[in-house]
Protein backbone atom coordinates (compact mmCIF):
# COMPACT_ATOMS: atom_id res chain seq x y z
CA MET A 1 -35.50 -41.56 -4.57
CA GLY A 2 -34.12 -40.52 -1.18
CA TRP A 3 -30.59 -40.55 0.19
CA SER A 4 -30.40 -43.44 2.76
CA GLU A 5 -29.26 -42.88 6.46
CA VAL A 6 -25.67 -44.41 5.75
CA GLU A 7 -25.26 -41.63 2.77
CA LEU A 8 -26.23 -38.99 4.75
CA LYS A 9 -24.01 -40.10 7.59
CA ASN A 10 -20.82 -40.12 5.46
CA ASN A 11 -21.56 -36.93 4.02
CA HIS A 12 -21.75 -35.20 7.39
CA ARG A 13 -18.68 -36.75 8.45
CA ARG A 14 -16.81 -35.97 5.14
CA LEU A 15 -18.25 -32.08 5.65
CA LYS A 16 -16.90 -32.21 9.26
CA THR A 17 -13.26 -33.32 8.14
CA VAL A 18 -12.97 -30.98 5.28
CA SER A 19 -14.21 -28.01 7.49
CA ALA A 20 -11.47 -29.21 10.37
CA GLY A 21 -9.09 -29.07 7.46
CA VAL A 22 -10.13 -25.81 6.34
CA GLY A 23 -9.68 -24.20 9.80
CA LEU A 24 -6.48 -25.93 10.62
CA ALA A 25 -5.35 -24.27 7.17
CA ALA A 26 -6.38 -21.03 8.51
CA VAL A 27 -4.94 -21.07 11.68
CA VAL A 28 -1.54 -21.97 10.26
CA ALA A 29 -1.95 -19.44 7.61
CA MET A 30 -2.63 -16.51 10.16
CA GLY A 31 0.40 -17.80 12.21
CA ALA A 32 2.62 -17.42 9.42
CA LEU A 33 1.34 -14.04 8.56
CA GLY A 34 1.55 -12.80 12.25
CA LEU A 35 5.53 -13.98 12.25
CA LEU A 36 6.04 -12.24 8.78
CA ALA A 37 4.17 -8.95 9.94
CA SER A 38 6.34 -8.90 13.24
CA GLY A 39 9.45 -9.30 11.60
CA ALA A 40 10.63 -11.97 14.10
CA SER A 41 13.39 -14.46 13.39
CA GLY A 42 13.71 -17.91 14.46
CA GLY A 43 16.13 -17.11 17.24
CA VAL A 44 15.77 -15.07 20.44
CA GLN A 45 17.07 -11.52 20.17
CA MET A 46 18.50 -9.93 23.22
CA GLN A 47 18.62 -6.09 23.01
CA SER A 48 21.67 -4.96 24.75
CA GLU A 49 21.00 -1.83 27.12
CA PRO A 50 23.23 1.18 26.68
CA ALA A 51 25.81 1.77 29.50
CA MET A 52 25.18 3.96 32.17
CA THR A 53 27.40 7.09 32.20
CA THR A 54 27.68 10.44 34.21
CA GLY A 55 27.04 13.37 32.01
CA GLN A 56 27.21 16.96 32.31
CA THR A 57 25.36 19.02 34.72
CA VAL A 58 22.62 20.65 33.31
CA THR A 59 22.11 24.38 34.15
CA GLN A 60 18.55 25.35 34.16
CA THR A 61 17.55 29.05 33.39
CA THR A 62 14.01 30.82 34.03
CA ALA A 63 12.12 31.43 31.07
CA GLU A 64 11.50 35.09 30.20
CA LYS A 65 8.65 36.80 30.75
CA SER A 66 5.61 36.39 28.32
CA PRO A 67 4.22 39.40 27.26
CA GLU A 68 0.67 40.38 28.74
CA THR A 69 -2.21 39.68 26.84
CA SER A 70 -5.24 41.89 26.48
CA VAL A 71 -8.90 40.68 27.65
CA ALA A 72 -10.70 39.70 24.35
CA THR A 73 -13.95 41.54 23.83
CA PRO A 74 -16.50 41.12 20.86
CA PRO A 75 -16.68 43.57 18.49
CA PHE A 76 -20.64 43.76 18.53
CA THR A 77 -22.93 43.82 21.11
CA PHE A 78 -26.50 42.16 21.27
CA THR A 79 -29.76 42.00 23.18
CA THR A 80 -31.54 38.96 24.50
CA PRO A 81 -34.85 38.24 22.56
CA GLU A 82 -37.84 38.34 25.01
CA GLY A 83 -38.80 34.88 26.33
CA PHE A 84 -35.24 33.92 26.45
CA ALA A 85 -32.92 33.56 29.46
CA VAL A 86 -30.43 36.26 30.16
CA PRO A 87 -26.65 35.11 29.93
CA HIS A 88 -24.55 35.43 32.79
């Protein structure tokens, strides 16, 4: 025996209702997890900025001269094989 049209419509309506409930529960759960992960509390938190003060004058000095570096040269030489471009 086959399903009647009324039974199919009722099953479809029930499926949509259950799906909507599952979706709503997922949204609520994600919101709760987001609040827990962010560490936010129920109240609004105001962060106070430290008061601006005038500090001591900073004297800058010149850095010491860095030692001179030598030019790096490879410990070996090579010749370019025939048919390849010569390096610059």
